[in-house]
Amino acid sequence: MLPIIHLDGNPFPMYGLMAIAGGVFAGVVALVKRRAFSLRVRDVLLLFTFATIGAMVGARLFGVIGHMFKHGGEPGFWTAESLLRAFNSGGGVFYGGLLGGIGLAVAWAKIGHIDLKSMFDAAAYVGLAFQSIGRLGCYFAGCCYGIVLASGAHFPVQLLEAGFCFAALLAFLIVRPERRWPKLPLFPVYIITYAVGRFILEFLRGDANRGVWILSTSQWIGLALIALAVVWLRKSKHCARED
């Protein structure tokens, strides 16, 4: 772990640095792929800006909700100061960031008259690109850690997830599904790919108090998103037949 590094004598959290690096990488991928989805540079930059804002807020809000489930029964928790401290502390929840980013990006796409399918198809690449680097921040910060191995060390599940996302991104870049299957919506494919991988990797997580019944909160959210993605794919297939 390396939670803090010093840049020009000033401390800087690796979690934030990896998030920035992931954002830059995702932005580069979006600009490289924009022509495949008929998006202008201006569209990409504005969508990326609004999605980033939405992701930051959504991730923190989901983090606060999780914090409520864990500590809501403690004396003095339900105060504005306590909730604000929970919002400002630590990182965030990826699925919350995903939903928040989508929400604000869709809102801007409606305002800017940007084709939603093009936006969502590009977002499949952007999401995988960000996660392939951003998840490294969890490894350096020591959060989201894995189960304890026989050696006493924690299994580096964060690195495995980052590698999984990068492999999925490479598969997208090599196959170029937007050319092979132009009517196929890529975003639900991305959601299913990530959610299935995340569901499996959750069993290798070692941090406690994340579950609801027999599964973790992320696994329940993943199952719900998979169901929605399947409905999305079935609906798009039905529409394609009608065309």
Protein backbone atom coordinates (compact mmCIF):
# COMPACT_ATOMS: atom_id res chain seq x y z
CA MET A 1 0.00 0.00 0.00
CA LEU A 2 1.04 3.55 -0.69
CA PRO A 3 -1.83 5.79 0.44
CA ILE A 4 0.13 9.04 0.27
CA ILE A 5 2.90 10.30 -1.97
CA HIS A 6 4.64 13.65 -1.80
CA LEU A 7 4.71 15.95 -4.82
CA ASP A 8 7.04 18.90 -4.44
CA GLY A 9 6.97 18.32 -0.70
CA ASN A 10 3.17 18.28 -0.47
CA PRO A 11 1.18 15.13 0.45
CA PHE A 12 -1.15 13.80 -2.22
CA PRO A 13 -3.49 10.80 -1.80
CA MET A 14 -2.89 8.00 -4.31
CA TYR A 15 -6.63 7.31 -4.35
CA GLY A 16 -7.24 10.73 -5.86
CA LEU A 17 -4.25 10.51 -8.15
CA MET A 18 -5.45 7.20 -9.63
CA ALA A 19 -8.94 8.65 -10.05
CA ILE A 20 -7.46 11.56 -12.00
CA ALA A 21 -5.28 9.23 -14.07
CA GLY A 22 -8.30 7.04 -14.78
CA GLY A 23 -10.30 10.07 -15.82
CA VAL A 24 -7.57 11.23 -18.18
CA PHE A 25 -7.27 7.76 -19.71
CA ALA A 26 -11.05 7.52 -20.10
CA GLY A 27 -11.11 10.96 -21.74
CA VAL A 28 -8.41 9.96 -24.22
CA VAL A 29 -10.30 6.77 -25.10
CA ALA A 30 -13.50 8.78 -25.58
CA LEU A 31 -11.77 11.22 -27.95
CA VAL A 32 -10.14 8.38 -29.89
CA LYS A 33 -13.47 6.55 -30.30
CA ARG A 34 -15.68 9.59 -30.88
CA ARG A 35 -15.74 9.25 -34.68
CA ALA A 36 -17.05 5.70 -34.39
CA PHE A 37 -20.10 7.13 -32.62
CA SER A 38 -20.42 10.37 -34.66
CA LEU A 39 -19.67 12.57 -31.67
CA ARG A 40 -17.99 15.96 -31.92
CA VAL A 41 -15.07 16.89 -29.68
CA ARG A 42 -17.31 19.46 -28.00
CA ASP A 43 -19.94 16.81 -27.30
CA VAL A 44 -17.37 14.47 -25.77
CA LEU A 45 -15.84 17.15 -23.55
CA LEU A 46 -19.18 18.41 -22.26
CA LEU A 47 -20.62 14.95 -21.70
CA PHE A 48 -17.44 13.92 -19.93
CA THR A 49 -17.54 17.00 -17.70
CA PHE A 50 -21.15 16.51 -16.65
CA ALA A 51 -20.70 12.75 -16.21
CA THR A 52 -17.68 13.37 -13.98
CA ILE A 53 -19.61 15.79 -11.78
CA GLY A 54 -22.53 13.37 -11.54
CA ALA A 55 -20.20 10.46 -10.79
CA MET A 56 -18.45 12.31 -7.98
CA VAL A 57 -21.72 13.31 -6.33
CA GLY A 58 -23.37 9.91 -6.87
CA ALA A 59 -20.39 7.99 -5.49
CA ARG A 60 -20.31 10.12 -2.37
CA LEU A 61 -24.09 9.93 -1.84
CA PHE A 62 -24.02 6.14 -2.06
CA GLY A 63 -21.11 6.21 0.36
CA VAL A 64 -23.21 8.24 2.80
CA ILE A 65 -26.11 5.79 2.43
CA GLY A 66 -23.79 2.92 3.24
CA HIS A 67 -22.45 4.90 6.18
CA MET A 68 -26.03 5.35 7.41
CA PHE A 69 -26.65 1.60 7.41
CA LYS A 70 -23.46 1.01 9.39
CA HIS A 71 -23.58 3.87 11.90
CA GLY A 72 -27.15 5.22 11.76
CA GLY A 73 -27.92 3.83 15.19
CA GLU A 74 -25.06 5.63 16.91
CA PRO A 75 -25.85 8.66 19.10
CA GLY A 76 -25.42 12.00 17.35
CA PHE A 77 -25.23 10.51 13.86
CA TRP A 78 -28.32 12.21 12.42
CA THR A 79 -26.97 15.74 12.44
CA ALA A 80 -26.07 17.97 9.50
CA GLU A 81 -22.46 18.10 10.67
CA SER A 82 -22.17 14.31 10.91
CA LEU A 83 -23.75 13.70 7.49
CA LEU A 84 -21.56 16.35 5.88
CA ARG A 85 -18.49 14.76 7.44
CA ALA A 86 -19.56 11.37 6.06
CA PHE A 87 -20.04 12.92 2.60
CA ASN A 88 -16.61 14.55 2.63
CA SER A 89 -14.69 11.61 4.05
CA GLY A 90 -13.01 8.86 2.05
CA GLY A 91 -13.82 7.80 -1.49
CA GLY A 92 -17.13 6.58 -2.82
CA VAL A 93 -19.20 3.72 -4.19
CA PHE A 94 -18.64 2.86 -7.84
CA TYR A 95 -22.23 1.94 -8.62
CA GLY A 96 -23.37 5.25 -7.12
CA GLY A 97 -20.88 7.06 -9.34
CA LEU A 98 -22.09 5.10 -12.34
CA LEU A 99 -25.74 6.02 -11.78
CA GLY A 100 -24.92 9.64 -10.96
CA GLY A 101 -22.70 10.01 -14.01
CA ILE A 102 -25.33 8.50 -16.30
CA GLY A 103 -28.06 10.70 -14.89
CA LEU A 104 -26.25 13.99 -15.45
CA ALA A 105 -24.85 12.91 -18.84
CA VAL A 106 -28.33 11.97 -20.06
CA ALA A 107 -29.68 15.31 -18.85
CA TRP A 108 -27.02 17.16 -20.81
CA ALA A 109 -27.52 14.96 -23.88
CA LYS A 110 -31.19 15.92 -23.88
CA ILE A 111 -30.32 19.61 -23.60
CA GLY A 112 -27.56 19.42 -26.22
CA HIS A 113 -29.56 17.22 -28.63
CA ILE A 114 -26.95 14.44 -28.54
CA ASP A 115 -27.99 10.99 -29.72
CA LEU A 116 -28.43 8.84 -26.63
CA LYS A 117 -27.36 5.58 -28.26
CA SER A 118 -24.11 7.16 -29.41
CA MET A 119 -23.52 8.55 -25.94
CA PHE A 120 -24.21 5.24 -24.21
CA ASP A 121 -22.10 3.26 -26.70
CA ALA A 122 -19.15 5.56 -26.07
CA ALA A 123 -19.79 5.32 -22.31
CA ALA A 124 -19.13 1.57 -22.44
CA TYR A 125 -15.53 2.28 -23.46
CA VAL A 126 -15.21 5.18 -21.02
CA GLY A 127 -16.41 3.16 -18.05
CA LEU A 128 -13.97 0.30 -18.61
CA ALA A 129 -11.10 2.71 -19.27
CA PHE A 130 -11.70 4.59 -16.04
CA GLN A 131 -12.06 1.46 -13.91
CA SER A 132 -8.92 -0.15 -15.30
CA ILE A 133 -6.83 2.58 -13.69
CA GLY A 134 -9.10 4.17 -11.11
CA ARG A 135 -9.48 0.89 -9.23
CA LEU A 136 -5.73 0.93 -8.56
CA GLY A 137 -6.41 3.77 -6.16
CA CYS A 138 -8.22 1.33 -3.88
CA TYR A 139 -5.15 -0.90 -3.82
CA PHE A 140 -2.82 1.95 -2.90
CA ALA A 141 -5.25 3.32 -0.30
CA GLY A 142 -5.77 -0.12 1.24
CA CYS A 143 -9.56 -0.04 0.91
CA CYS A 144 -11.80 -2.67 -0.75
CA TYR A 145 -9.20 -5.23 0.27
CA GLY A 146 -9.37 -8.97 -0.29
CA ILE A 147 -9.58 -12.01 1.93
CA VAL A 148 -6.67 -12.91 4.16
CA LEU A 149 -4.30 -15.45 2.60
CA ALA A 150 -2.33 -18.15 4.42
CA SER A 151 0.66 -15.82 4.40
CA GLY A 152 -1.31 -13.23 6.35
CA ALA A 153 -1.45 -10.80 3.42
CA HIS A 154 -4.68 -9.67 1.81
CA PHE A 155 -5.57 -11.02 -1.62
CA PRO A 156 -5.08 -8.10 -4.10
CA VAL A 157 -8.64 -8.21 -5.39
CA GLN A 158 -8.40 -4.55 -6.44
CA LEU A 159 -5.60 -5.38 -8.89
CA LEU A 160 -7.58 -8.33 -10.24
CA GLU A 161 -10.60 -6.12 -10.85
CA ALA A 162 -8.46 -3.47 -12.58
CA GLY A 163 -6.92 -6.17 -14.78
CA PHE A 164 -10.36 -7.59 -15.59
CA CYS A 165 -11.61 -4.16 -16.67
CA PHE A 166 -8.52 -3.53 -18.80
CA ALA A 167 -8.91 -6.94 -20.48
CA ALA A 168 -12.57 -6.17 -21.21
CA LEU A 169 -11.57 -2.79 -22.66
CA LEU A 170 -8.97 -4.44 -24.90
CA ALA A 171 -11.62 -6.91 -26.08
CA PHE A 172 -13.92 -4.01 -27.00
CA LEU A 173 -11.13 -2.18 -28.82
CA ILE A 174 -10.08 -5.27 -30.77
CA VAL A 175 -13.55 -6.58 -31.66
CA ARG A 176 -15.06 -3.11 -32.27
CA PRO A 177 -18.64 -4.29 -31.71
CA GLU A 178 -20.05 -0.96 -32.91
CA ARG A 179 -18.94 -1.95 -36.43
CA ARG A 180 -19.81 -5.64 -36.31
CA TRP A 181 -23.24 -5.11 -34.73
CA PRO A 182 -24.18 -1.45 -35.30
CA LYS A 183 -27.67 -1.83 -33.79
CA LEU A 184 -26.40 -3.55 -30.63
CA PRO A 185 -26.45 -1.19 -27.61
CA LEU A 186 -23.02 -1.49 -26.05
CA PHE A 187 -23.77 0.00 -22.66
CA PRO A 188 -25.90 -2.88 -21.37
CA VAL A 189 -23.21 -5.28 -22.65
CA TYR A 190 -20.68 -3.34 -20.58
CA ILE A 191 -22.98 -3.39 -17.55
CA ILE A 192 -23.47 -7.16 -17.75
CA THR A 193 -19.76 -7.76 -18.32
CA TYR A 194 -18.68 -5.66 -15.36
CA ALA A 195 -21.49 -6.69 -13.02
CA VAL A 196 -20.86 -10.40 -13.56
CA GLY A 197 -17.12 -9.94 -12.99
CA ARG A 198 -17.73 -7.77 -9.93
CA PHE A 199 -20.25 -10.28 -8.54
CA ILE A 200 -17.63 -13.03 -8.64
CA LEU A 201 -14.84 -10.85 -7.29
CA GLU A 202 -16.99 -9.78 -4.35
CA PHE A 203 -16.54 -13.27 -2.89
CA LEU A 204 -12.82 -12.51 -2.67
CA ARG A 205 -13.38 -9.31 -0.69
CA GLY A 206 -12.28 -9.34 2.92
CA ASP A 207 -13.61 -6.05 4.28
CA ALA A 208 -16.53 -6.63 6.63
CA ASN A 209 -20.00 -5.11 7.11
CA ARG A 210 -20.79 -4.75 3.42
CA GLY A 211 -23.58 -7.31 3.14
CA VAL A 212 -27.33 -7.49 3.09
CA TRP A 213 -28.48 -11.02 3.88
CA ILE A 214 -26.25 -13.52 2.03
CA LEU A 215 -24.78 -11.13 -0.57
CA SER A 216 -22.94 -7.83 -0.47
CA THR A 217 -24.68 -4.58 -1.31
CA SER A 218 -22.67 -4.36 -4.55
CA GLN A 219 -23.80 -7.85 -5.54
CA TRP A 220 -27.46 -6.96 -5.05
CA ILE A 221 -27.03 -3.77 -7.06
CA GLY A 222 -25.17 -5.74 -9.73
CA LEU A 223 -28.00 -8.26 -10.01
CA ALA A 224 -30.53 -5.45 -10.40
CA LEU A 225 -28.40 -3.78 -13.09
CA ILE A 226 -27.96 -7.08 -14.94
CA ALA A 227 -31.73 -7.52 -15.00
CA LEU A 228 -32.21 -4.01 -16.35
CA ALA A 229 -29.46 -4.53 -18.94
CA VAL A 230 -31.08 -7.75 -20.15
CA VAL A 231 -34.42 -5.95 -20.54
CA TRP A 232 -32.60 -3.18 -22.44
CA LEU A 233 -31.03 -5.71 -24.83
CA ARG A 234 -34.30 -7.55 -25.38
CA LYS A 235 -36.12 -4.30 -26.06
CA SER A 236 -33.46 -3.16 -28.53
CA LYS A 237 -33.65 -6.54 -30.30
CA HIS A 238 -37.42 -6.19 -30.58
CA CYS A 239 -37.09 -2.69 -31.99
CA ALA A 240 -34.50 -3.88 -34.51
CA ARG A 241 -36.92 -6.57 -35.76
CA GLU A 242 -39.66 -3.96 -36.22
CA ASP A 243 -37.26 -1.81 -38.28
